[in-house]
PDB file of all heavy atoms in Angstrom:
ATOM      1  N   VAL A   1       2.932  -3.506  11.191  1.00  0.00           N
ATOM      2  CA  VAL A   1       2.378  -4.449  10.214  1.00  0.00           C
ATOM      3  C   VAL A   1       3.361  -5.546   9.815  1.00  0.00           C
ATOM      4  O   VAL A   1       3.005  -6.443   9.051  1.00  0.00           O
ATOM      5  CB  VAL A   1       1.870  -3.727   8.945  1.00  0.00           C
ATOM      6  CG1 VAL A   1       0.890  -2.621   9.319  1.00  0.00           C
ATOM      7  CG2 VAL A   1       3.015  -3.188   8.109  1.00  0.00           C
ATOM      8  N   LYS A   2       4.577  -5.469  10.305  1.00  0.00           N
ATOM      9  CA  LYS A   2       5.585  -6.467   9.945  1.00  0.00           C
ATOM     10  C   LYS A   2       5.113  -7.868  10.337  1.00  0.00           C
ATOM     11  O   LYS A   2       4.608  -8.065  11.448  1.00  0.00           O
ATOM     12  CB  LYS A   2       6.914  -6.166  10.633  1.00  0.00           C
ATOM     13  CG  LYS A   2       7.713  -5.072   9.969  1.00  0.00           C
ATOM     14  CD  LYS A   2       9.034  -4.802  10.693  1.00  0.00           C
ATOM     15  CE  LYS A   2       9.788  -3.666  10.036  1.00  0.00           C
ATOM     16  NZ  LYS A   2      11.023  -3.313  10.800  1.00  0.00           N
ATOM     17  N   GLY A   3       5.281  -8.806   9.421  1.00  0.00           N
ATOM     18  CA  GLY A   3       4.845 -10.172   9.672  1.00  0.00           C
ATOM     19  C   GLY A   3       3.392 -10.428   9.340  1.00  0.00           C
ATOM     20  O   GLY A   3       2.962 -11.588   9.315  1.00  0.00           O
ATOM     21  N   ARG A   4       2.616  -9.362   9.109  1.00  0.00           N
ATOM     22  CA  ARG A   4       1.196  -9.525   8.776  1.00  0.00           C
ATOM     23  C   ARG A   4       0.877  -9.047   7.365  1.00  0.00           C
ATOM     24  O   ARG A   4       0.017  -9.614   6.696  1.00  0.00           O
ATOM     25  CB  ARG A   4       0.325  -8.754   9.772  1.00  0.00           C
ATOM     26  CG  ARG A   4       0.488  -9.183  11.210  1.00  0.00           C
ATOM     27  CD  ARG A   4      -0.545  -8.518  12.111  1.00  0.00           C
ATOM     28  NE  ARG A   4      -0.417  -7.068  12.152  1.00  0.00           N
ATOM     29  CZ  ARG A   4      -1.407  -6.233  11.826  1.00  0.00           C
ATOM     30  NH1 ARG A   4      -2.583  -6.692  11.467  1.00  0.00           N
ATOM     31  NH2 ARG A   4      -1.221  -4.931  11.902  1.00  0.00           N
ATOM     32  N   PHE A   5       1.535  -8.004   6.917  1.00  0.00           N
ATOM     33  CA  PHE A   5       1.277  -7.423   5.602  1.00  0.00           C
ATOM     34  C   PHE A   5       2.455  -7.704   4.676  1.00  0.00           C
ATOM     35  O   PHE A   5       3.614  -7.725   5.108  1.00  0.00           O
ATOM     36  CB  PHE A   5       1.097  -5.905   5.703  1.00  0.00           C
ATOM     37  CG  PHE A   5      -0.155  -5.451   6.408  1.00  0.00           C
ATOM     38  CD1 PHE A   5      -0.970  -6.323   7.125  1.00  0.00           C
ATOM     39  CD2 PHE A   5      -0.514  -4.104   6.374  1.00  0.00           C
ATOM     40  CE1 PHE A   5      -2.108  -5.882   7.776  1.00  0.00           C
ATOM     41  CE2 PHE A   5      -1.647  -3.644   7.019  1.00  0.00           C
ATOM     42  CZ  PHE A   5      -2.439  -4.536   7.729  1.00  0.00           C
ATOM     43  N   THR A   6       2.145  -7.861   3.396  1.00  0.00           N
ATOM     44  CA  THR A   6       3.189  -8.059   2.392  1.00  0.00           C
ATOM     45  C   THR A   6       2.892  -7.173   1.186  1.00  0.00           C
ATOM     46  O   THR A   6       1.789  -7.213   0.631  1.00  0.00           O
ATOM     47  CB  THR A   6       3.252  -9.521   1.927  1.00  0.00           C
ATOM     48  OG1 THR A   6       3.471 -10.373   3.054  1.00  0.00           O
ATOM     49  CG2 THR A   6       4.387  -9.717   0.927  1.00  0.00           C
ATOM     50  N   ILE A   7       3.874  -6.390   0.796  1.00  0.00           N
ATOM     51  CA  ILE A   7       3.737  -5.537  -0.386  1.00  0.00           C
ATOM     52  C   ILE A   7       4.465  -6.204  -1.543  1.00  0.00           C
ATOM     53  O   ILE A   7       5.526  -6.830  -1.355  1.00  0.00           O
ATOM     54  CB  ILE A   7       4.276  -4.118  -0.127  1.00  0.00           C
ATOM     55  CG1 ILE A   7       3.881  -3.171  -1.265  1.00  0.00           C
ATOM     56  CG2 ILE A   7       5.782  -4.115   0.118  1.00  0.00           C
ATOM     57  CD1 ILE A   7       4.134  -1.693  -0.954  1.00  0.00           C
ATOM     58  N   SER A   8       3.897  -6.089  -2.738  1.00  0.00           N
ATOM     59  CA  SER A   8       4.516  -6.708  -3.913  1.00  0.00           C
ATOM     60  C   SER A   8       4.180  -5.892  -5.153  1.00  0.00           C
ATOM     61  O   SER A   8       3.219  -5.112  -5.164  1.00  0.00           O
ATOM     62  CB  SER A   8       4.020  -8.151  -4.080  1.00  0.00           C
ATOM     63  OG  SER A   8       2.621  -8.181  -4.290  1.00  0.00           O
ATOM     64  N   ARG A   9       4.977  -6.085  -6.178  1.00  0.00           N
ATOM     65  CA  ARG A   9       4.729  -5.417  -7.466  1.00  0.00           C
ATOM     66  C   ARG A   9       4.648  -6.487  -8.547  1.00  0.00           C
ATOM     67  O   ARG A   9       5.580  -7.278  -8.719  1.00  0.00           O
ATOM     68  CB  ARG A   9       5.853  -4.425  -7.793  1.00  0.00           C
ATOM     69  CG  ARG A   9       5.822  -3.178  -6.956  1.00  0.00           C
ATOM     70  CD  ARG A   9       6.929  -2.200  -7.280  1.00  0.00           C
ATOM     71  NE  ARG A   9       6.571  -1.315  -8.385  1.00  0.00           N
ATOM     72  CZ  ARG A   9       7.102  -0.115  -8.563  1.00  0.00           C
ATOM     73  NH1 ARG A   9       7.996   0.340  -7.713  1.00  0.00           N
ATOM     74  NH2 ARG A   9       6.762   0.626  -9.609  1.00  0.00           N
ATOM     75  N   ASP A  10       3.540  -6.494  -9.284  1.00  0.00           N
ATOM     76  CA  ASP A  10       3.402  -7.401 -10.427  1.00  0.00           C
ATOM     77  C   ASP A  10       4.302  -6.959 -11.562  1.00  0.00           C
ATOM     78  O   ASP A  10       4.892  -7.760 -12.253  1.00  0.00           O
ATOM     79  CB  ASP A  10       1.961  -7.372 -10.947  1.00  0.00           C
ATOM     80  CG  ASP A  10       1.069  -8.295 -10.157  1.00  0.00           C
ATOM     81  OD1 ASP A  10       1.592  -9.043  -9.322  1.00  0.00           O
ATOM     82  OD2 ASP A  10      -0.156  -8.254 -10.387  1.00  0.00           O
ATOM     83  N   ASN A  11       4.348  -5.665 -11.754  1.00  0.00           N
ATOM     84  CA  ASN A  11       5.104  -5.075 -12.846  1.00  0.00           C
ATOM     85  C   ASN A  11       5.396  -3.629 -12.452  1.00  0.00           C
ATOM     86  O   ASN A  11       5.175  -3.242 -11.304  1.00  0.00           O
ATOM     87  CB  ASN A  11       4.299  -5.146 -14.154  1.00  0.00           C
ATOM     88  CG  ASN A  11       2.893  -4.619 -13.995  1.00  0.00           C
ATOM     89  OD1 ASN A  11       2.699  -3.495 -13.536  1.00  0.00           O
ATOM     90  ND2 ASN A  11       1.906  -5.425 -14.348  1.00  0.00           N
ATOM     91  N   ALA A  12       5.824  -2.839 -13.392  1.00  0.00           N
ATOM     92  CA  ALA A  12       6.199  -1.467 -13.043  1.00  0.00           C
ATOM     93  C   ALA A  12       5.011  -0.634 -12.585  1.00  0.00           C
ATOM     94  O   ALA A  12       5.182   0.365 -11.906  1.00  0.00           O
ATOM     95  CB  ALA A  12       6.871  -0.796 -14.235  1.00  0.00           C
ATOM     96  N   ARG A  13       3.787  -1.047 -12.950  1.00  0.00           N
ATOM     97  CA  ARG A  13       2.643  -0.178 -12.725  1.00  0.00           C
ATOM     98  C   ARG A  13       1.631  -0.699 -11.711  1.00  0.00           C
ATOM     99  O   ARG A  13       0.668  -0.006 -11.400  1.00  0.00           O
ATOM    100  CB  ARG A  13       1.925   0.084 -14.060  1.00  0.00           C
ATOM    101  CG  ARG A  13       2.777   0.869 -15.038  1.00  0.00           C
ATOM    102  CD  ARG A  13       2.008   1.230 -16.299  1.00  0.00           C
ATOM    103  NE  ARG A  13       2.837   2.048 -17.183  1.00  0.00           N
ATOM    104  CZ  ARG A  13       2.923   3.374 -17.101  1.00  0.00           C
ATOM    105  NH1 ARG A  13       2.205   4.024 -16.196  1.00  0.00           N
ATOM    106  NH2 ARG A  13       3.713   4.049 -17.917  1.00  0.00           N
ATOM    107  N   THR A  14       1.808  -1.887 -11.203  1.00  0.00           N
ATOM    108  CA  THR A  14       0.819  -2.480 -10.301  1.00  0.00           C
ATOM    109  C   THR A  14       1.474  -2.904  -9.000  1.00  0.00           C
ATOM    110  O   THR A  14       2.456  -3.655  -9.004  1.00  0.00           O
ATOM    111  CB  THR A  14       0.156  -3.706 -10.954  1.00  0.00           C
ATOM    112  OG1 THR A  14      -0.398  -3.323 -12.215  1.00  0.00           O
ATOM    113  CG2 THR A  14      -0.957  -4.237 -10.067  1.00  0.00           C
ATOM    114  N   VAL A  15       0.892  -2.440  -7.901  1.00  0.00           N
ATOM    115  CA  VAL A  15       1.399  -2.807  -6.581  1.00  0.00           C
ATOM    116  C   VAL A  15       0.232  -3.350  -5.752  1.00  0.00           C
ATOM    117  O   VAL A  15      -0.906  -2.892  -5.864  1.00  0.00           O
ATOM    118  CB  VAL A  15       2.077  -1.610  -5.886  1.00  0.00           C
ATOM    119  CG1 VAL A  15       1.093  -0.485  -5.627  1.00  0.00           C
ATOM    120  CG2 VAL A  15       2.758  -2.034  -4.603  1.00  0.00           C
ATOM    121  N   HIS A  16       0.534  -4.364  -4.947  1.00  0.00           N
ATOM    122  CA  HIS A  16      -0.474  -4.989  -4.091  1.00  0.00           C
ATOM    123  C   HIS A  16      -0.044  -4.911  -2.639  1.00  0.00           C
ATOM    124  O   HIS A  16       1.148  -4.862  -2.330  1.00  0.00           O
ATOM    125  CB  HIS A  16      -0.642  -6.474  -4.463  1.00  0.00           C
ATOM    126  CG  HIS A  16      -0.980  -6.718  -5.896  1.00  0.00           C
ATOM    127  ND1 HIS A  16      -2.228  -6.451  -6.418  1.00  0.00           N
ATOM    128  CD2 HIS A  16      -0.225  -7.208  -6.915  1.00  0.00           C
ATOM    129  CE1 HIS A  16      -2.225  -6.776  -7.706  1.00  0.00           C
ATOM    130  NE2 HIS A  16      -1.033  -7.225  -8.027  1.00  0.00           N
ATOM    131  N   LEU A  17      -1.041  -4.935  -1.765  1.00  0.00           N
ATOM    132  CA  LEU A  17      -0.774  -5.044  -0.336  1.00  0.00           C
ATOM    133  C   LEU A  17      -1.641  -6.186   0.196  1.00  0.00           C
ATOM    134  O   LEU A  17      -2.867  -6.051   0.272  1.00  0.00           O
ATOM    135  CB  LEU A  17      -1.098  -3.745   0.395  1.00  0.00           C
ATOM    136  CG  LEU A  17      -0.756  -3.740   1.883  1.00  0.00           C
ATOM    137  CD1 LEU A  17       0.766  -3.780   2.091  1.00  0.00           C
ATOM    138  CD2 LEU A  17      -1.355  -2.526   2.590  1.00  0.00           C
ATOM    139  N   GLN A  18      -1.006  -7.297   0.518  1.00  0.00           N
ATOM    140  CA  GLN A  18      -1.709  -8.424   1.112  1.00  0.00           C
ATOM    141  C   GLN A  18      -1.727  -8.220   2.620  1.00  0.00           C
ATOM    142  O   GLN A  18      -0.666  -8.130   3.243  1.00  0.00           O
ATOM    143  CB  GLN A  18      -1.030  -9.751   0.761  1.00  0.00           C
ATOM    144  CG  GLN A  18      -1.679 -10.966   1.381  1.00  0.00           C
ATOM    145  CD  GLN A  18      -3.073 -11.235   0.848  1.00  0.00           C
ATOM    146  OE1 GLN A  18      -3.310 -11.132  -0.346  1.00  0.00           O
ATOM    147  NE2 GLN A  18      -3.995 -11.581   1.741  1.00  0.00           N
ATOM    148  N   MET A  19      -2.927  -8.133   3.184  1.00  0.00           N
ATOM    149  CA  MET A  19      -3.073  -7.857   4.614  1.00  0.00           C
ATOM    150  C   MET A  19      -3.699  -9.065   5.288  1.00  0.00           C
ATOM    151  O   MET A  19      -4.852  -9.419   4.993  1.00  0.00           O
ATOM    152  CB  MET A  19      -3.945  -6.619   4.825  1.00  0.00           C
ATOM    153  CG  MET A  19      -3.432  -5.387   4.087  1.00  0.00           C
ATOM    154  SD  MET A  19      -4.353  -3.890   4.471  1.00  0.00           S
ATOM    155  CE  MET A  19      -5.941  -4.274   3.743  1.00  0.00           C
ATOM    156  N   ASN A  20      -2.944  -9.711   6.149  1.00  0.00           N
ATOM    157  CA  ASN A  20      -3.414 -10.890   6.888  1.00  0.00           C
ATOM    158  C   ASN A  20      -3.491 -10.572   8.377  1.00  0.00           C
ATOM    159  O   ASN A  20      -2.893  -9.595   8.832  1.00  0.00           O
ATOM    160  CB  ASN A  20      -2.479 -12.077   6.657  1.00  0.00           C
ATOM    161  CG  ASN A  20      -2.413 -12.502   5.205  1.00  0.00           C
ATOM    162  OD1 ASN A  20      -3.384 -12.392   4.458  1.00  0.00           O
ATOM    163  ND2 ASN A  20      -1.252 -12.998   4.792  1.00  0.00           N
ATOM    164  N   SER A  21      -4.195 -11.414   9.107  1.00  0.00           N
ATOM    165  CA  SER A  21      -4.329 -11.245  10.565  1.00  0.00           C
ATOM    166  C   SER A  21      -4.727  -9.813  10.910  1.00  0.00           C
ATOM    167  O   SER A  21      -4.135  -9.176  11.787  1.00  0.00           O
ATOM    168  CB  SER A  21      -3.018 -11.613  11.267  1.00  0.00           C
ATOM    169  OG  SER A  21      -2.627 -12.933  10.972  1.00  0.00           O
ATOM    170  N   LEU A  22      -5.723  -9.318  10.224  1.00  0.00           N
ATOM    171  CA  LEU A  22      -6.136  -7.929  10.417  1.00  0.00           C
ATOM    172  C   LEU A  22      -6.680  -7.692  11.815  1.00  0.00           C
ATOM    173  O   LEU A  22      -7.335  -8.571  12.413  1.00  0.00           O
ATOM    174  CB  LEU A  22      -7.166  -7.540   9.366  1.00  0.00           C
ATOM    175  CG  LEU A  22      -6.570  -7.220   7.984  1.00  0.00           C
ATOM    176  CD1 LEU A  22      -7.614  -7.317   6.898  1.00  0.00           C
ATOM    177  CD2 LEU A  22      -5.936  -5.843   8.017  1.00  0.00           C
ATOM    178  N   LYS A  23      -6.412  -6.492  12.321  1.00  0.00           N
ATOM    179  CA  LYS A  23      -6.842  -6.083  13.654  1.00  0.00           C
ATOM    180  C   LYS A  23      -7.752  -4.854  13.531  1.00  0.00           C
ATOM    181  O   LYS A  23      -7.630  -4.093  12.556  1.00  0.00           O
ATOM    182  CB  LYS A  23      -5.632  -5.715  14.510  1.00  0.00           C
ATOM    183  CG  LYS A  23      -4.582  -6.809  14.626  1.00  0.00           C
ATOM    184  CD  LYS A  23      -3.369  -6.305  15.388  1.00  0.00           C
ATOM    185  CE  LYS A  23      -2.285  -7.373  15.494  1.00  0.00           C
ATOM    186  NZ  LYS A  23      -1.092  -6.882  16.218  1.00  0.00           N
ATOM    187  N   PRO A  24      -8.611  -4.622  14.522  1.00  0.00           N
ATOM    188  CA  PRO A  24      -9.452  -3.420  14.466  1.00  0.00           C
ATOM    189  C   PRO A  24      -8.635  -2.131  14.315  1.00  0.00           C
ATOM    190  O   PRO A  24      -9.095  -1.191  13.652  1.00  0.00           O
ATOM    191  CB  PRO A  24     -10.194  -3.461  15.802  1.00  0.00           C
ATOM    192  CG  PRO A  24     -10.280  -4.913  16.114  1.00  0.00           C
ATOM    193  CD  PRO A  24      -8.981  -5.498  15.637  1.00  0.00           C
ATOM    194  N   GLU A  25      -7.445  -2.098  14.873  1.00  0.00           N
ATOM    195  CA  GLU A  25      -6.629  -0.887  14.757  1.00  0.00           C
ATOM    196  C   GLU A  25      -6.046  -0.680  13.357  1.00  0.00           C
ATOM    197  O   GLU A  25      -5.416   0.356  13.095  1.00  0.00           O
ATOM    198  CB  GLU A  25      -5.494  -0.895  15.794  1.00  0.00           C
ATOM    199  CG  GLU A  25      -4.661  -2.150  15.820  1.00  0.00           C
ATOM    200  CD  GLU A  25      -5.114  -3.129  16.896  1.00  0.00           C
ATOM    201  OE1 GLU A  25      -6.348  -3.335  17.062  1.00  0.00           O
ATOM    202  OE2 GLU A  25      -4.225  -3.698  17.564  1.00  0.00           O
ATOM    203  N   ASP A  26      -6.246  -1.634  12.460  1.00  0.00           N
ATOM    204  CA  ASP A  26      -5.856  -1.437  11.065  1.00  0.00           C
ATOM    205  C   ASP A  26      -6.923  -0.666  10.285  1.00  0.00           C
ATOM    206  O   ASP A  26      -6.705  -0.313   9.122  1.00  0.00           O
ATOM    207  CB  ASP A  26      -5.629  -2.790  10.375  1.00  0.00           C
ATOM    208  CG  ASP A  26      -4.445  -3.545  10.940  1.00  0.00           C
ATOM    209  OD1 ASP A  26      -3.404  -2.912  11.199  1.00  0.00           O
ATOM    210  OD2 ASP A  26      -4.562  -4.781  11.134  1.00  0.00           O
ATOM    211  N   THR A  27      -8.055  -0.418  10.909  1.00  0.00           N
ATOM    212  CA  THR A  27      -9.126   0.321  10.258  1.00  0.00           C
ATOM    213  C   THR A  27      -8.661   1.723   9.902  1.00  0.00           C
ATOM    214  O   THR A  27      -8.158   2.461  10.752  1.00  0.00           O
ATOM    215  CB  THR A  27     -10.362   0.400  11.174  1.00  0.00           C
ATOM    216  OG1 THR A  27     -10.877  -0.923  11.368  1.00  0.00           O
ATOM    217  CG2 THR A  27     -11.439   1.285  10.559  1.00  0.00           C
ATOM    218  N   ALA A  28      -8.809   2.093   8.625  1.00  0.00           N
ATOM    219  CA  ALA A  28      -8.356   3.404   8.144  1.00  0.00           C
ATOM    220  C   ALA A  28      -8.693   3.519   6.666  1.00  0.00           C
ATOM    221  O   ALA A  28      -9.136   2.544   6.041  1.00  0.00           O
ATOM    222  CB  ALA A  28      -6.856   3.568   8.339  1.00  0.00           C
ATOM    223  N   VAL A  29      -8.465   4.702   6.127  1.00  0.00           N
ATOM    224  CA  VAL A  29      -8.472   4.867   4.678  1.00  0.00           C
ATOM    225  C   VAL A  29      -7.038   4.628   4.202  1.00  0.00           C
ATOM    226  O   VAL A  29      -6.091   5.223   4.728  1.00  0.00           O
ATOM    227  CB  VAL A  29      -8.941   6.274   4.257  1.00  0.00           C
ATOM    228  CG1 VAL A  29      -8.878   6.421   2.734  1.00  0.00           C
ATOM    229  CG2 VAL A  29     -10.359   6.527   4.758  1.00  0.00           C
ATOM    230  N   TYR A  30      -6.902   3.741   3.242  1.00  0.00           N
ATOM    231  CA  TYR A  30      -5.584   3.383   2.717  1.00  0.00           C
ATOM    232  C   TYR A  30      -5.371   4.073   1.371  1.00  0.00           C
ATOM    233  O   TYR A  30      -6.228   4.015   0.482  1.00  0.00           O
ATOM    234  CB  TYR A  30      -5.484   1.872   2.559  1.00  0.00           C
ATOM    235  CG  TYR A  30      -5.263   1.165   3.876  1.00  0.00           C
ATOM    236  CD1 TYR A  30      -6.276   1.117   4.831  1.00  0.00           C
ATOM    237  CD2 TYR A  30      -4.047   0.566   4.183  1.00  0.00           C
ATOM    238  CE1 TYR A  30      -6.086   0.499   6.049  1.00  0.00           C
ATOM    239  CE2 TYR A  30      -3.837  -0.070   5.399  1.00  0.00           C
ATOM    240  CZ  TYR A  30      -4.864  -0.099   6.332  1.00  0.00           C
ATOM    241  OH  TYR A  30      -4.668  -0.713   7.541  1.00  0.00           O
ATOM    242  N   TYR A  31      -4.211   4.718   1.235  1.00  0.00           N
ATOM    243  CA  TYR A  31      -3.873   5.469   0.037  1.00  0.00           C
ATOM    244  C   TYR A  31      -2.640   4.867  -0.635  1.00  0.00           C
ATOM    245  O   TYR A  31      -1.654   4.539   0.031  1.00  0.00           O
ATOM    246  CB  TYR A  31      -3.563   6.927   0.376  1.00  0.00           C
ATOM    247  CG  TYR A  31      -4.725   7.701   0.914  1.00  0.00           C
ATOM    248  CD1 TYR A  31      -4.989   7.747   2.284  1.00  0.00           C
ATOM    249  CD2 TYR A  31      -5.569   8.419   0.065  1.00  0.00           C
ATOM    250  CE1 TYR A  31      -6.054   8.469   2.794  1.00  0.00           C
ATOM    251  CE2 TYR A  31      -6.633   9.151   0.565  1.00  0.00           C
ATOM    252  CZ  TYR A  31      -6.870   9.163   1.921  1.00  0.00           C
ATOM    253  OH  TYR A  31      -7.934   9.886   2.420  1.00  0.00           O
ATOM    254  N   CYS A  32      -2.697   4.790  -1.934  1.00  0.00           N
ATOM    255  CA  CYS A  32      -1.539   4.392  -2.725  1.00  0.00           C
ATOM    256  C   CYS A  32      -0.752   5.650  -3.084  1.00  0.00           C
ATOM    257  O   CYS A  32      -1.334   6.703  -3.367  1.00  0.00           O
ATOM    258  CB  CYS A  32      -2.022   3.688  -3.995  1.00  0.00           C
ATOM    259  SG  CYS A  32      -0.695   3.126  -5.097  1.00  0.00           S
ATOM    260  N   LYS A  33       0.562   5.521  -3.069  1.00  0.00           N
ATOM    261  CA  LYS A  33       1.421   6.662  -3.399  1.00  0.00           C
ATOM    262  C   LYS A  33       2.493   6.245  -4.378  1.00  0.00           C
ATOM    263  O   LYS A  33       3.058   5.158  -4.280  1.00  0.00           O
ATOM    264  CB  LYS A  33       2.093   7.212  -2.132  1.00  0.00           C
ATOM    265  CG  LYS A  33       3.038   8.377  -2.384  1.00  0.00           C
ATOM    266  CD  LYS A  33       3.773   8.784  -1.124  1.00  0.00           C
ATOM    267  CE  LYS A  33       4.795   9.867  -1.428  1.00  0.00           C
ATOM    268  NZ  LYS A  33       5.590  10.231  -0.220  1.00  0.00           N
ATOM    269  N   TYR A  34       2.760   7.131  -5.335  1.00  0.00           N
ATOM    270  CA  TYR A  34       3.878   6.990  -6.257  1.00  0.00           C
ATOM    271  C   TYR A  34       4.861   8.123  -5.984  1.00  0.00           C
ATOM    272  O   TYR A  34       4.469   9.275  -5.851  1.00  0.00           O
ATOM    273  CB  TYR A  34       3.390   7.077  -7.705  1.00  0.00           C
ATOM    274  CG  TYR A  34       4.502   7.338  -8.699  1.00  0.00           C
ATOM    275  CD1 TYR A  34       5.235   6.291  -9.233  1.00  0.00           C
ATOM    276  CD2 TYR A  34       4.810   8.638  -9.097  1.00  0.00           C
ATOM    277  CE1 TYR A  34       6.265   6.536 -10.140  1.00  0.00           C
ATOM    278  CE2 TYR A  34       5.827   8.890  -9.996  1.00  0.00           C
ATOM    279  CZ  TYR A  34       6.550   7.835 -10.513  1.00  0.00           C
ATOM    280  OH  TYR A  34       7.576   8.070 -11.410  1.00  0.00           O
ATOM    281  N   ALA A  35       6.135   7.775  -5.916  1.00  0.00           N
ATOM    282  CA  ALA A  35       7.184   8.777  -5.751  1.00  0.00           C
ATOM    283  C   ALA A  35       8.276   8.506  -6.783  1.00  0.00           C
ATOM    284  O   ALA A  35       8.851   7.416  -6.831  1.00  0.00           O
ATOM    285  CB  ALA A  35       7.764   8.724  -4.350  1.00  0.00           C
ATOM    286  N   GLY A  36       8.539   9.529  -7.604  1.00  0.00           N
ATOM    287  CA  GLY A  36       9.580   9.402  -8.611  1.00  0.00           C
ATOM    288  C   GLY A  36      10.182  10.769  -8.899  1.00  0.00           C
ATOM    289  O   GLY A  36       9.447  11.688  -9.260  1.00  0.00           O
ATOM    290  N   GLY A  37      11.480  10.920  -8.734  1.00  0.00           N
ATOM    291  CA  GLY A  37      12.104  12.222  -8.907  1.00  0.00           C
ATOM    292  C   GLY A  37      11.533  13.200  -7.899  1.00  0.00           C
ATOM    293  O   GLY A  37      11.525  12.926  -6.697  1.00  0.00           O
ATOM    294  N   LEU A  38      11.014  14.319  -8.376  1.00  0.00           N
ATOM    295  CA  LEU A  38      10.402  15.317  -7.495  1.00  0.00           C
ATOM    296  C   LEU A  38       8.893  15.136  -7.382  1.00  0.00           C
ATOM    297  O   LEU A  38       8.230  15.901  -6.700  1.00  0.00           O
ATOM    298  CB  LEU A  38      10.705  16.725  -8.020  1.00  0.00           C
ATOM    299  CG  LEU A  38      12.187  17.103  -8.079  1.00  0.00           C
ATOM    300  CD1 LEU A  38      12.361  18.510  -8.660  1.00  0.00           C
ATOM    301  CD2 LEU A  38      12.821  17.028  -6.689  1.00  0.00           C
ATOM    302  N   SER A  39       8.362  14.112  -8.010  1.00  0.00           N
ATOM    303  CA  SER A  39       6.905  13.920  -8.054  1.00  0.00           C
ATOM    304  C   SER A  39       6.427  13.000  -6.935  1.00  0.00           C
ATOM    305  O   SER A  39       7.054  11.988  -6.636  1.00  0.00           O
ATOM    306  CB  SER A  39       6.490  13.308  -9.393  1.00  0.00           C
ATOM    307  OG  SER A  39       6.780  14.174 -10.456  1.00  0.00           O
ATOM    308  N   ASN A  40       5.293  13.387  -6.351  1.00  0.00           N
ATOM    309  CA  ASN A  40       4.580  12.536  -5.405  1.00  0.00           C
ATOM    310  C   ASN A  40       3.110  12.579  -5.803  1.00  0.00           C
ATOM    311  O   ASN A  40       2.512  13.654  -5.861  1.00  0.00           O
ATOM    312  CB  ASN A  40       4.719  13.040  -3.972  1.00  0.00           C
ATOM    313  CG  ASN A  40       6.104  12.809  -3.421  1.00  0.00           C
ATOM    314  OD1 ASN A  40       6.501  11.693  -3.125  1.00  0.00           O
ATOM    315  ND2 ASN A  40       6.864  13.873  -3.294  1.00  0.00           N
ATOM    316  N   ASN A  41       2.549  11.421  -6.098  1.00  0.00           N
ATOM    317  CA  ASN A  41       1.150  11.361  -6.514  1.00  0.00           C
ATOM    318  C   ASN A  41       0.405  10.378  -5.626  1.00  0.00           C
ATOM    319  O   ASN A  41       0.957   9.348  -5.217  1.00  0.00           O
ATOM    320  CB  ASN A  41       1.043  10.936  -7.981  1.00  0.00           C
ATOM    321  CG  ASN A  41       1.758  11.879  -8.903  1.00  0.00           C
ATOM    322  OD1 ASN A  41       2.856  11.586  -9.370  1.00  0.00           O
ATOM    323  ND2 ASN A  41       1.154  13.023  -9.168  1.00  0.00           N
ATOM    324  N   TRP A  42      -0.866  10.711  -5.359  1.00  0.00           N
ATOM    325  CA  TRP A  42      -1.688   9.903  -4.461  1.00  0.00           C
ATOM    326  C   TRP A  42      -2.940   9.401  -5.168  1.00  0.00           C
ATOM    327  O   TRP A  42      -3.492  10.084  -6.031  1.00  0.00           O
ATOM    328  CB  TRP A  42      -2.127  10.735  -3.261  1.00  0.00           C
ATOM    329  CG  TRP A  42      -1.016  11.172  -2.385  1.00  0.00           C
ATOM    330  CD1 TRP A  42      -0.295  12.318  -2.484  1.00  0.00           C
ATOM    331  CD2 TRP A  42      -0.486  10.465  -1.254  1.00  0.00           C
ATOM    332  NE1 TRP A  42       0.657  12.366  -1.488  1.00  0.00           N
ATOM    333  CE2 TRP A  42       0.561  11.245  -0.712  1.00  0.00           C
ATOM    334  CE3 TRP A  42      -0.783   9.242  -0.634  1.00  0.00           C
ATOM    335  CZ2 TRP A  42       1.305  10.844   0.402  1.00  0.00           C
ATOM    336  CZ3 TRP A  42      -0.052   8.848   0.479  1.00  0.00           C
ATOM    337  CH2 TRP A  42       0.972   9.638   0.984  1.00  0.00           C
ATOM    338  N   GLY A  43      -3.382   8.225  -4.753  1.00  0.00           N
ATOM    339  CA  GLY A  43      -4.672   7.725  -5.188  1.00  0.00           C
ATOM    340  C   GLY A  43      -5.778   8.359  -4.363  1.00  0.00           C
ATOM    341  O   GLY A  43      -5.527   9.158  -3.455  1.00  0.00           O
ATOM    342  N   GLN A  44      -7.013   7.971  -4.661  1.00  0.00           N
ATOM    343  CA  GLN A  44      -8.173   8.572  -4.004  1.00  0.00           C
ATOM    344  C   GLN A  44      -8.470   7.948  -2.650  1.00  0.00           C
ATOM    345  O   GLN A  44      -9.230   8.499  -1.866  1.00  0.00           O
ATOM    346  CB  GLN A  44      -9.418   8.454  -4.906  1.00  0.00           C
ATOM    347  CG  GLN A  44     -10.104   7.098  -4.897  1.00  0.00           C
ATOM    348  CD  GLN A  44      -9.374   6.019  -5.700  1.00  0.00           C
ATOM    349  OE1 GLN A  44      -8.332   6.278  -6.307  1.00  0.00           O
ATOM    350  NE2 GLN A  44      -9.933   4.824  -5.732  1.00  0.00           N
ATOM    351  N   GLY A  45      -7.875   6.821  -2.361  1.00  0.00           N
ATOM    352  CA  GLY A  45      -8.054   6.148  -1.085  1.00  0.00           C
ATOM    353  C   GLY A  45      -9.127   5.075  -1.129  1.00  0.00           C
ATOM    354  O   GLY A  45     -10.091   5.168  -1.899  1.00  0.00           O
TER     355      GLY A  45
END
């Protein structure tokens, strides 16, 4: 995804993924993940 996708954070709690030049092989369920200390939490996708 290098050169096509850009990840950014507005603030401590919001993260974005800008996806450009999308390809059919990018088709998937995308999950957000938080990792802090020993914790790993996932979104619903």
